[in-house]
N, C-alpha and C. Protein backbone atom coordinates (compact mmCIF):
# COMPACT_ATOMS: atom_id res chain seq x y z
N MET A 1 -100.08 -121.14 50.05
CA MET A 1 -99.87 -119.63 50.14
C MET A 1 -98.56 -119.16 50.44
N GLU A 2 -98.06 -119.88 51.21
CA GLU A 2 -96.66 -119.59 51.59
C GLU A 2 -95.75 -119.59 50.61
N ASN A 3 -95.98 -120.41 49.66
CA ASN A 3 -95.05 -120.56 48.52
C ASN A 3 -95.40 -119.32 47.42
N GLN A 4 -96.53 -118.96 47.49
CA GLN A 4 -97.12 -117.86 46.73
C GLN A 4 -96.32 -116.55 47.26
N ASN A 5 -96.43 -116.47 48.58
CA ASN A 5 -95.84 -115.33 49.24
C ASN A 5 -94.31 -115.31 49.01
N GLN A 6 -93.68 -116.49 49.05
CA GLN A 6 -92.25 -116.39 48.82
C GLN A 6 -91.95 -116.05 47.23
N ASN A 7 -92.82 -116.59 46.39
CA ASN A 7 -92.57 -116.26 45.02
C ASN A 7 -92.73 -114.70 44.76
N GLN A 8 -93.81 -114.13 45.41
CA GLN A 8 -94.11 -112.74 45.45
C GLN A 8 -92.98 -111.96 45.91
N ASN A 9 -92.29 -112.46 47.12
CA ASN A 9 -91.35 -111.73 47.82
C ASN A 9 -90.00 -111.75 46.75
N ARG A 10 -89.90 -112.91 46.19
CA ARG A 10 -88.75 -113.07 45.23
C ARG A 10 -88.85 -112.12 44.06
N ALA A 11 -90.02 -112.02 43.54
CA ALA A 11 -90.39 -111.21 42.30
C ALA A 11 -90.19 -109.79 42.81
N ASP A 12 -90.77 -109.38 43.74
CA ASP A 12 -90.46 -107.97 44.47
C ASP A 12 -89.01 -107.68 44.51
N ALA A 13 -88.34 -108.71 45.18
CA ALA A 13 -86.84 -108.44 45.38
C ALA A 13 -86.02 -108.47 44.17
N LYS A 14 -86.32 -109.31 43.15
CA LYS A 14 -85.83 -109.11 41.86
C LYS A 14 -85.93 -107.64 41.26
N LYS A 15 -87.34 -107.39 41.37
CA LYS A 15 -87.86 -106.05 40.82
C LYS A 15 -86.83 -105.08 41.44
N LYS A 16 -86.81 -104.94 42.75
CA LYS A 16 -86.09 -103.94 43.52
C LYS A 16 -84.57 -104.06 43.05
N ILE A 17 -84.02 -105.12 43.05
CA ILE A 17 -82.51 -105.30 42.67
C ILE A 17 -82.47 -104.78 41.35
N GLY A 18 -83.23 -105.14 40.33
CA GLY A 18 -83.12 -104.65 39.07
C GLY A 18 -83.27 -103.05 38.83
N ILE A 19 -84.09 -102.61 39.63
CA ILE A 19 -84.18 -101.14 39.62
C ILE A 19 -82.99 -100.44 40.26
N PHE A 20 -82.46 -101.10 41.41
CA PHE A 20 -81.29 -100.58 42.04
C PHE A 20 -80.14 -100.63 41.02
N LEU A 21 -79.80 -101.83 40.26
CA LEU A 21 -78.73 -101.88 39.37
C LEU A 21 -79.03 -100.93 38.12
N ILE A 22 -80.06 -100.69 37.75
CA ILE A 22 -80.28 -99.60 36.68
C ILE A 22 -80.10 -98.34 37.25
N ILE A 23 -80.36 -97.93 38.52
CA ILE A 23 -79.95 -96.67 39.15
C ILE A 23 -78.54 -96.61 39.15
N ILE A 24 -77.89 -97.59 39.63
CA ILE A 24 -76.38 -97.55 39.70
C ILE A 24 -75.77 -97.38 38.36
N PHE A 25 -76.26 -98.17 37.27
CA PHE A 25 -75.74 -98.04 35.95
C PHE A 25 -75.83 -96.60 35.42
N VAL A 26 -77.16 -96.05 35.67
CA VAL A 26 -77.34 -94.60 35.07
C VAL A 26 -76.41 -93.65 35.94
N ILE A 27 -76.35 -93.79 37.11
CA ILE A 27 -75.38 -92.88 37.96
C ILE A 27 -73.98 -93.16 37.51
N GLY A 28 -73.44 -94.32 37.00
CA GLY A 28 -72.09 -94.55 36.63
C GLY A 28 -72.04 -93.95 35.23
N ILE A 29 -72.94 -93.90 34.38
CA ILE A 29 -72.91 -93.37 33.05
C ILE A 29 -72.88 -91.68 33.35
N LEU A 30 -73.76 -91.20 34.20
CA LEU A 30 -73.64 -89.60 34.42
C LEU A 30 -72.29 -89.45 34.94
N TYR A 31 -71.68 -90.12 35.92
CA TYR A 31 -70.32 -89.80 36.54
C TYR A 31 -69.40 -89.94 35.43
N LEU A 32 -69.40 -90.92 34.47
CA LEU A 32 -68.50 -91.05 33.38
C LEU A 32 -68.57 -89.65 32.44
N LEU A 33 -69.74 -89.21 32.19
CA LEU A 33 -70.07 -87.93 31.41
C LEU A 33 -69.46 -86.91 32.05
N TYR A 34 -69.65 -86.73 33.37
CA TYR A 34 -69.15 -85.65 34.22
C TYR A 34 -67.59 -85.57 34.17
N TYR A 35 -67.11 -86.83 34.40
CA TYR A 35 -65.63 -86.90 34.37
C TYR A 35 -65.06 -86.50 32.99
N MET A 36 -65.73 -86.87 31.85
CA MET A 36 -65.22 -86.60 30.53
C MET A 36 -65.12 -85.20 30.17
N PHE A 37 -66.29 -84.39 30.75
CA PHE A 37 -66.48 -83.01 30.28
C PHE A 37 -65.81 -82.06 31.38
N PHE A 38 -65.69 -82.44 32.68
CA PHE A 38 -65.23 -81.49 33.55
C PHE A 38 -64.12 -81.79 34.31
N LEU A 39 -63.94 -83.16 34.65
CA LEU A 39 -62.61 -83.41 35.47
C LEU A 39 -61.50 -84.05 34.76
N LYS A 40 -61.60 -84.40 33.57
CA LYS A 40 -60.59 -85.00 32.90
C LYS A 40 -59.20 -84.16 32.85
N GLY A 41 -59.32 -82.89 32.54
CA GLY A 41 -58.18 -81.93 32.50
C GLY A 41 -57.81 -81.27 33.86
N TYR A 42 -58.42 -81.57 34.98
CA TYR A 42 -58.14 -80.93 36.25
C TYR A 42 -57.30 -81.94 37.11
N GLU A 43 -56.22 -81.44 37.51
CA GLU A 43 -55.36 -82.19 38.42
C GLU A 43 -55.11 -81.53 39.71
N GLU A 44 -55.19 -82.27 40.83
CA GLU A 44 -54.88 -81.63 42.13
C GLU A 44 -53.93 -82.48 42.84
N THR A 45 -53.10 -81.71 43.52
CA THR A 45 -52.11 -82.48 44.39
C THR A 45 -51.69 -81.53 45.52
N GLU A 46 -51.11 -82.06 46.66
CA GLU A 46 -50.62 -81.35 47.74
C GLU A 46 -49.14 -81.25 47.70
N ASN A 47 -48.47 -82.11 46.93
CA ASN A 47 -46.98 -82.20 46.99
C ASN A 47 -46.57 -82.29 45.47
N ALA A 48 -46.66 -81.36 44.55
CA ALA A 48 -46.31 -81.34 43.29
C ALA A 48 -44.83 -80.79 42.84
N TYR A 49 -44.25 -81.34 42.11
CA TYR A 49 -43.00 -80.72 41.65
C TYR A 49 -42.93 -80.88 40.03
N ILE A 50 -42.66 -79.85 39.50
CA ILE A 50 -42.58 -79.60 38.08
C ILE A 50 -41.09 -79.27 37.73
N HIS A 51 -40.53 -80.07 36.88
CA HIS A 51 -39.09 -79.83 36.47
C HIS A 51 -39.18 -78.99 35.29
N GLY A 52 -38.54 -77.68 35.46
CA GLY A 52 -38.40 -76.84 34.25
C GLY A 52 -37.13 -76.03 34.46
N ASN A 53 -36.80 -75.24 33.28
CA ASN A 53 -35.82 -74.50 33.29
C ASN A 53 -36.00 -73.14 33.89
N GLN A 54 -35.45 -72.73 34.88
CA GLN A 54 -35.41 -71.27 35.31
C GLN A 54 -34.15 -70.64 35.10
N VAL A 55 -34.37 -69.34 34.58
CA VAL A 55 -33.13 -68.58 34.26
C VAL A 55 -33.06 -67.28 35.08
N SER A 56 -32.08 -67.06 35.73
CA SER A 56 -31.95 -65.85 36.55
C SER A 56 -31.74 -64.53 35.55
N ILE A 57 -32.22 -63.54 35.80
CA ILE A 57 -31.91 -62.34 35.09
C ILE A 57 -31.16 -61.27 35.77
N THR A 58 -29.96 -60.96 35.33
CA THR A 58 -29.15 -60.06 35.92
C THR A 58 -29.02 -58.82 35.16
N THR A 59 -28.55 -57.64 35.70
CA THR A 59 -28.43 -56.49 34.99
C THR A 59 -27.00 -56.25 34.57
N GLN A 60 -26.87 -55.49 33.52
CA GLN A 60 -25.42 -55.00 33.09
C GLN A 60 -25.20 -53.60 33.68
N VAL A 61 -26.24 -52.98 34.05
CA VAL A 61 -25.95 -51.70 34.63
C VAL A 61 -26.88 -51.59 35.82
N SER A 62 -26.80 -50.71 36.94
CA SER A 62 -27.64 -50.53 37.82
C SER A 62 -28.39 -49.17 37.67
N GLY A 63 -29.59 -49.21 38.33
CA GLY A 63 -30.36 -48.01 38.11
C GLY A 63 -31.74 -47.98 38.95
N VAL A 64 -32.46 -47.17 38.87
CA VAL A 64 -33.76 -46.95 39.53
C VAL A 64 -34.80 -47.49 38.30
N ILE A 65 -35.64 -48.58 38.78
CA ILE A 65 -36.67 -49.07 37.68
C ILE A 65 -37.78 -48.34 37.78
N ASN A 66 -38.20 -47.81 36.64
CA ASN A 66 -39.46 -47.02 36.49
C ASN A 66 -40.64 -48.01 36.00
N GLU A 67 -40.60 -49.02 35.32
CA GLU A 67 -41.45 -49.74 34.75
C GLU A 67 -41.10 -51.23 34.86
N ILE A 68 -42.09 -52.20 35.11
CA ILE A 68 -41.76 -53.65 35.09
C ILE A 68 -42.85 -53.94 34.12
N ASN A 69 -42.37 -54.54 32.95
CA ASN A 69 -43.37 -55.00 31.85
C ASN A 69 -43.64 -56.56 31.84
N VAL A 70 -43.32 -57.25 32.90
CA VAL A 70 -43.54 -58.68 32.91
C VAL A 70 -44.14 -59.14 34.22
N GLN A 71 -44.84 -60.24 34.34
CA GLN A 71 -45.33 -60.87 35.43
C GLN A 71 -44.47 -61.97 35.88
N ASP A 72 -44.66 -62.46 37.27
CA ASP A 72 -43.88 -63.72 37.75
C ASP A 72 -44.24 -64.92 36.78
N THR A 73 -43.20 -65.56 36.39
CA THR A 73 -43.28 -66.89 35.66
C THR A 73 -43.76 -66.67 34.36
N GLN A 74 -43.73 -65.38 33.75
CA GLN A 74 -44.12 -65.24 32.50
C GLN A 74 -42.91 -65.34 31.48
N PRO A 75 -43.07 -66.12 30.48
CA PRO A 75 -41.89 -66.23 29.48
C PRO A 75 -41.46 -65.08 28.90
N ILE A 76 -40.12 -64.97 28.62
CA ILE A 76 -39.57 -63.90 27.99
C ILE A 76 -38.87 -64.22 26.80
N THR A 77 -39.06 -63.55 25.73
CA THR A 77 -38.39 -63.92 24.49
C THR A 77 -37.23 -62.77 24.25
N ILE A 78 -36.42 -63.24 23.31
CA ILE A 78 -35.33 -62.33 22.91
C ILE A 78 -35.95 -60.82 22.44
N GLY A 79 -35.51 -59.84 22.85
CA GLY A 79 -35.93 -58.55 22.35
C GLY A 79 -37.20 -57.94 23.26
N THR A 80 -37.57 -58.83 24.22
CA THR A 80 -38.70 -58.15 25.04
C THR A 80 -38.16 -57.41 26.15
N SER A 81 -38.62 -56.18 26.40
CA SER A 81 -38.14 -55.29 27.34
C SER A 81 -38.79 -55.72 28.70
N ALA A 82 -37.95 -56.22 29.72
CA ALA A 82 -38.64 -56.69 30.89
C ALA A 82 -38.81 -55.62 31.81
N ILE A 83 -37.87 -54.54 31.89
CA ILE A 83 -37.87 -53.36 32.63
C ILE A 83 -37.67 -52.10 31.91
N LYS A 84 -37.94 -51.03 32.52
CA LYS A 84 -37.54 -49.77 32.01
C LYS A 84 -36.85 -48.96 33.17
N LEU A 85 -35.46 -48.47 33.01
CA LEU A 85 -34.72 -47.84 34.04
C LEU A 85 -34.97 -46.33 33.80
N ASP A 86 -34.86 -45.69 34.84
CA ASP A 86 -34.89 -44.28 34.94
C ASP A 86 -33.50 -43.66 34.31
N THR A 87 -33.60 -42.79 33.21
CA THR A 87 -32.53 -42.49 32.52
C THR A 87 -31.74 -41.05 32.99
N VAL A 88 -32.29 -40.53 34.08
CA VAL A 88 -31.82 -39.25 34.53
C VAL A 88 -30.39 -39.27 34.92
N ASN A 89 -29.79 -40.49 35.48
CA ASN A 89 -28.51 -40.66 35.95
C ASN A 89 -27.44 -40.81 34.81
N TYR A 90 -28.04 -41.51 33.80
CA TYR A 90 -27.35 -41.86 32.55
C TYR A 90 -27.29 -40.51 31.77
N GLU A 91 -28.19 -39.77 31.73
CA GLU A 91 -28.14 -38.47 30.88
C GLU A 91 -27.22 -37.47 31.59
N ILE A 92 -27.08 -37.50 32.95
CA ILE A 92 -26.15 -36.61 33.52
C ILE A 92 -24.76 -37.15 33.38
N ALA A 93 -24.60 -38.46 33.38
CA ALA A 93 -23.28 -39.00 33.07
C ALA A 93 -22.83 -38.72 31.58
N LEU A 94 -23.69 -38.67 30.68
CA LEU A 94 -23.48 -38.48 29.27
C LEU A 94 -23.07 -36.98 29.07
N LYS A 95 -23.84 -36.04 29.63
CA LYS A 95 -23.57 -34.59 29.65
C LYS A 95 -22.15 -34.38 30.29
N ASP A 96 -21.89 -35.05 31.40
CA ASP A 96 -20.49 -35.02 32.03
C ASP A 96 -19.35 -35.52 31.10
N ALA A 97 -19.62 -36.61 30.40
CA ALA A 97 -18.65 -37.29 29.46
C ALA A 97 -18.46 -36.24 28.33
N GLU A 98 -19.56 -35.64 27.69
CA GLU A 98 -19.49 -34.63 26.69
C GLU A 98 -18.70 -33.45 27.05
N THR A 99 -18.88 -32.91 28.28
CA THR A 99 -18.16 -31.76 28.73
C THR A 99 -16.63 -32.15 28.79
N LYS A 100 -16.40 -33.38 29.40
CA LYS A 100 -15.02 -33.78 29.52
C LYS A 100 -14.29 -34.01 28.18
N LEU A 101 -15.17 -34.50 27.16
CA LEU A 101 -14.57 -34.62 25.84
C LEU A 101 -14.30 -33.33 25.17
N ALA A 102 -15.35 -32.25 25.35
CA ALA A 102 -15.08 -30.97 24.86
C ALA A 102 -13.90 -30.42 25.42
N ASP A 103 -13.71 -30.46 26.89
CA ASP A 103 -12.43 -29.87 27.47
C ASP A 103 -11.16 -30.56 26.99
N ALA A 104 -11.11 -31.95 26.63
CA ALA A 104 -9.97 -32.62 26.15
C ALA A 104 -9.75 -32.04 24.79
N VAL A 105 -10.73 -31.92 23.87
CA VAL A 105 -10.48 -31.32 22.50
C VAL A 105 -9.87 -29.94 22.57
N ARG A 106 -10.38 -29.05 23.47
CA ARG A 106 -9.88 -27.84 23.69
C ARG A 106 -8.43 -27.81 24.18
N LYS A 107 -8.16 -28.70 25.00
CA LYS A 107 -6.69 -28.84 25.46
C LYS A 107 -5.76 -29.30 24.32
N TYR A 108 -6.38 -30.20 23.68
CA TYR A 108 -5.53 -30.75 22.45
C TYR A 108 -5.29 -29.57 21.55
N TYR A 109 -6.17 -28.89 21.11
CA TYR A 109 -5.92 -27.74 20.12
C TYR A 109 -4.97 -26.65 20.86
N THR A 110 -5.19 -26.32 22.05
CA THR A 110 -4.40 -25.60 22.71
C THR A 110 -2.92 -25.78 22.69
N LEU A 111 -2.68 -27.32 22.90
CA LEU A 111 -1.22 -27.79 22.86
C LEU A 111 -0.87 -27.77 21.49
N GLN A 112 -1.75 -28.00 20.48
CA GLN A 112 -1.25 -27.88 19.15
C GLN A 112 -0.75 -26.45 18.68
N ASN A 113 -1.53 -25.47 19.37
CA ASN A 113 -1.05 -24.02 18.97
C ASN A 113 0.15 -23.66 19.81
N THR A 114 0.31 -24.34 21.07
CA THR A 114 1.66 -24.10 21.78
C THR A 114 2.80 -24.74 21.10
N VAL A 115 2.56 -25.79 20.45
CA VAL A 115 3.64 -26.46 19.71
C VAL A 115 4.06 -25.60 18.59
N LYS A 116 3.16 -25.01 17.79
CA LYS A 116 3.44 -24.18 16.69
C LYS A 116 4.01 -22.87 17.13
N VAL A 117 3.64 -22.39 18.20
CA VAL A 117 4.27 -21.17 18.90
C VAL A 117 5.69 -21.39 19.19
N ASN A 118 5.82 -22.53 19.85
CA ASN A 118 7.32 -22.99 20.24
C ASN A 118 8.28 -23.26 19.15
N GLU A 119 7.64 -23.80 18.18
CA GLU A 119 8.43 -24.03 16.88
C GLU A 119 8.74 -22.74 16.26
N ASN A 120 7.85 -21.86 16.12
CA ASN A 120 8.17 -20.39 15.67
C ASN A 120 9.26 -19.73 16.51
N ASN A 121 9.04 -19.90 17.81
CA ASN A 121 10.03 -19.18 18.89
C ASN A 121 11.44 -19.78 18.61
N THR A 122 11.53 -21.32 18.27
CA THR A 122 12.75 -21.80 18.12
C THR A 122 13.48 -21.26 16.79
N LEU A 123 12.61 -21.21 15.89
CA LEU A 123 13.19 -20.66 14.48
C LEU A 123 13.59 -19.29 14.82
N THR A 124 12.90 -18.50 15.47
CA THR A 124 13.32 -17.16 15.76
C THR A 124 14.68 -17.03 16.49
N ALA A 125 14.79 -17.92 17.59
CA ALA A 125 15.89 -18.02 18.42
C ALA A 125 17.15 -18.41 17.58
N LYS A 126 16.81 -19.33 16.68
CA LYS A 126 17.90 -19.85 15.77
C LYS A 126 18.59 -18.76 14.96
N ALA A 127 17.47 -18.11 14.31
CA ALA A 127 17.82 -16.97 13.58
C ALA A 127 18.64 -15.86 14.22
N ASN A 128 18.24 -15.50 15.43
CA ASN A 128 18.90 -14.56 16.24
C ASN A 128 20.26 -14.98 16.63
N LEU A 129 20.27 -16.32 16.93
CA LEU A 129 21.73 -16.85 17.24
C LEU A 129 22.76 -16.67 16.09
N ALA A 130 22.14 -17.09 14.84
CA ALA A 130 22.97 -16.94 13.78
C ALA A 130 23.42 -15.64 13.50
N LEU A 131 22.49 -14.54 13.61
CA LEU A 131 22.88 -13.16 13.48
C LEU A 131 23.84 -12.55 14.58
N ALA A 132 23.68 -13.03 15.69
CA ALA A 132 24.43 -12.78 16.84
C ALA A 132 25.86 -13.29 16.62
N ASP A 133 26.03 -14.48 16.16
CA ASP A 133 27.31 -15.04 15.89
C ASP A 133 28.02 -14.47 14.61
N LYS A 134 27.21 -13.90 13.79
CA LYS A 134 27.91 -13.24 12.67
C LYS A 134 28.38 -11.92 13.09
N THR A 135 27.58 -11.20 13.92
CA THR A 135 27.73 -9.86 14.46
C THR A 135 29.08 -10.01 15.32
N LEU A 136 29.13 -11.05 16.32
CA LEU A 136 30.32 -11.18 17.09
C LEU A 136 31.58 -11.47 16.32
N LYS A 137 31.47 -12.30 15.32
CA LYS A 137 32.67 -12.46 14.46
C LYS A 137 33.15 -11.11 13.86
N ARG A 138 32.11 -10.32 13.37
CA ARG A 138 32.67 -9.03 12.89
C ARG A 138 33.23 -7.91 14.00
N GLN A 139 32.53 -8.04 15.09
CA GLN A 139 33.04 -7.30 16.27
C GLN A 139 34.34 -7.70 16.72
N THR A 140 34.54 -9.13 16.74
CA THR A 140 35.90 -9.42 17.11
C THR A 140 37.02 -9.01 16.23
N ILE A 141 36.76 -9.10 14.95
CA ILE A 141 37.83 -8.66 13.98
C ILE A 141 37.84 -7.09 14.20
N SER A 142 36.77 -6.36 14.22
CA SER A 142 36.85 -4.93 14.24
C SER A 142 37.55 -4.64 15.58
N SER A 143 37.19 -5.33 16.73
CA SER A 143 37.68 -5.03 18.09
C SER A 143 39.32 -5.21 18.14
N SER A 144 39.76 -6.30 17.24
CA SER A 144 41.16 -6.74 17.42
C SER A 144 41.97 -5.65 16.64
N THR A 145 41.38 -5.00 15.50
CA THR A 145 42.12 -4.04 14.83
C THR A 145 41.81 -2.61 15.42
N GLY A 146 40.94 -2.55 16.39
CA GLY A 146 40.82 -1.20 17.14
C GLY A 146 39.64 -0.43 16.39
N ILE A 147 38.97 -0.84 15.50
CA ILE A 147 38.01 -0.12 14.75
C ILE A 147 36.76 0.32 15.74
N THR A 148 36.26 -0.79 16.56
CA THR A 148 35.33 -0.52 17.53
C THR A 148 35.79 -0.53 18.85
N SER A 149 34.94 0.01 19.70
CA SER A 149 35.26 0.14 21.24
C SER A 149 35.04 -1.13 21.81
N LYS A 150 35.70 -1.46 23.02
CA LYS A 150 35.52 -2.59 23.87
C LYS A 150 34.11 -2.67 24.39
N GLU A 151 33.42 -1.63 24.43
CA GLU A 151 31.98 -1.54 24.95
C GLU A 151 31.12 -2.34 23.90
N ASN A 152 31.36 -1.90 22.69
CA ASN A 152 30.61 -2.47 21.53
C ASN A 152 30.78 -3.98 21.57
N PHE A 153 32.14 -4.48 21.74
CA PHE A 153 32.38 -5.87 21.53
C PHE A 153 31.63 -6.53 22.71
N ASP A 154 31.76 -5.82 24.08
CA ASP A 154 31.04 -6.61 25.24
C ASP A 154 29.60 -6.78 24.97
N THR A 155 28.90 -5.66 24.41
CA THR A 155 27.60 -5.68 24.10
C THR A 155 27.23 -6.77 23.12
N THR A 156 28.02 -6.87 22.05
CA THR A 156 27.87 -7.87 21.15
C THR A 156 28.09 -9.29 21.69
N SER A 157 29.21 -9.43 22.56
CA SER A 157 29.28 -10.71 23.23
C SER A 157 28.08 -11.01 24.21
N PHE A 158 27.52 -10.13 24.88
CA PHE A 158 26.49 -10.28 25.65
C PHE A 158 25.18 -10.89 24.87
N LYS A 159 24.90 -10.16 23.68
CA LYS A 159 23.89 -10.58 22.88
C LYS A 159 23.95 -12.04 22.36
N TYR A 160 25.38 -12.35 21.93
CA TYR A 160 25.55 -13.63 21.36
C TYR A 160 25.27 -14.81 22.57
N ILE A 161 25.80 -14.56 23.78
CA ILE A 161 25.49 -15.31 24.81
C ILE A 161 24.07 -15.59 25.19
N ASP A 162 23.38 -14.39 25.22
CA ASP A 162 21.79 -14.37 25.35
C ASP A 162 21.30 -15.22 24.40
N SER A 163 21.39 -14.90 23.16
CA SER A 163 20.85 -15.76 22.02
C SER A 163 21.18 -17.29 22.14
N LYS A 164 22.37 -17.48 22.45
CA LYS A 164 22.78 -19.06 22.53
C LYS A 164 21.86 -19.66 23.88
N ASN A 165 21.72 -18.91 24.72
CA ASN A 165 21.18 -19.46 25.88
C ASN A 165 19.53 -19.53 25.58
N THR A 166 19.05 -18.61 24.86
CA THR A 166 17.67 -18.60 24.38
C THR A 166 17.29 -19.81 23.49
N TYR A 167 18.34 -20.06 22.57
CA TYR A 167 18.12 -21.12 21.62
C TYR A 167 18.22 -22.58 22.23
N GLU A 168 18.94 -22.75 23.20
CA GLU A 168 19.22 -24.01 23.77
C GLU A 168 18.09 -24.25 24.82
């Protein structure tokens, strides 16, 4: 009977070991399925380093930002507006520049007119000098022969000197 008990115990032990191995095998299959569907794409670390290109964005102009159109670490392509600046300061600067341009144009045309007036004044002074020169020559001849008075000669001389000074 002892032999039969031992055989019975062995059969029970083999049965229990077989059930245990089947349970371990089923648990292994279930874990493998769980890994394939849920854990395969998931990685976790406490000290990760990813090498990538980071580019600093700097401005060409300064100003107050009204809108930010991107999030941290969002890729930006050419033509994407990352921020929107307040345009009030630039509009004021544009109006100021337009005013200065209009003032410069006005000054330019004023100078052009001044040049024309001065050219006309020069021509008038030249004509007056030529007339005064002719008159002085006649008065010199008339005065030397005694036809005109000394006073007329002095007046004509003065007009000639005045015309000469005006022309120069």
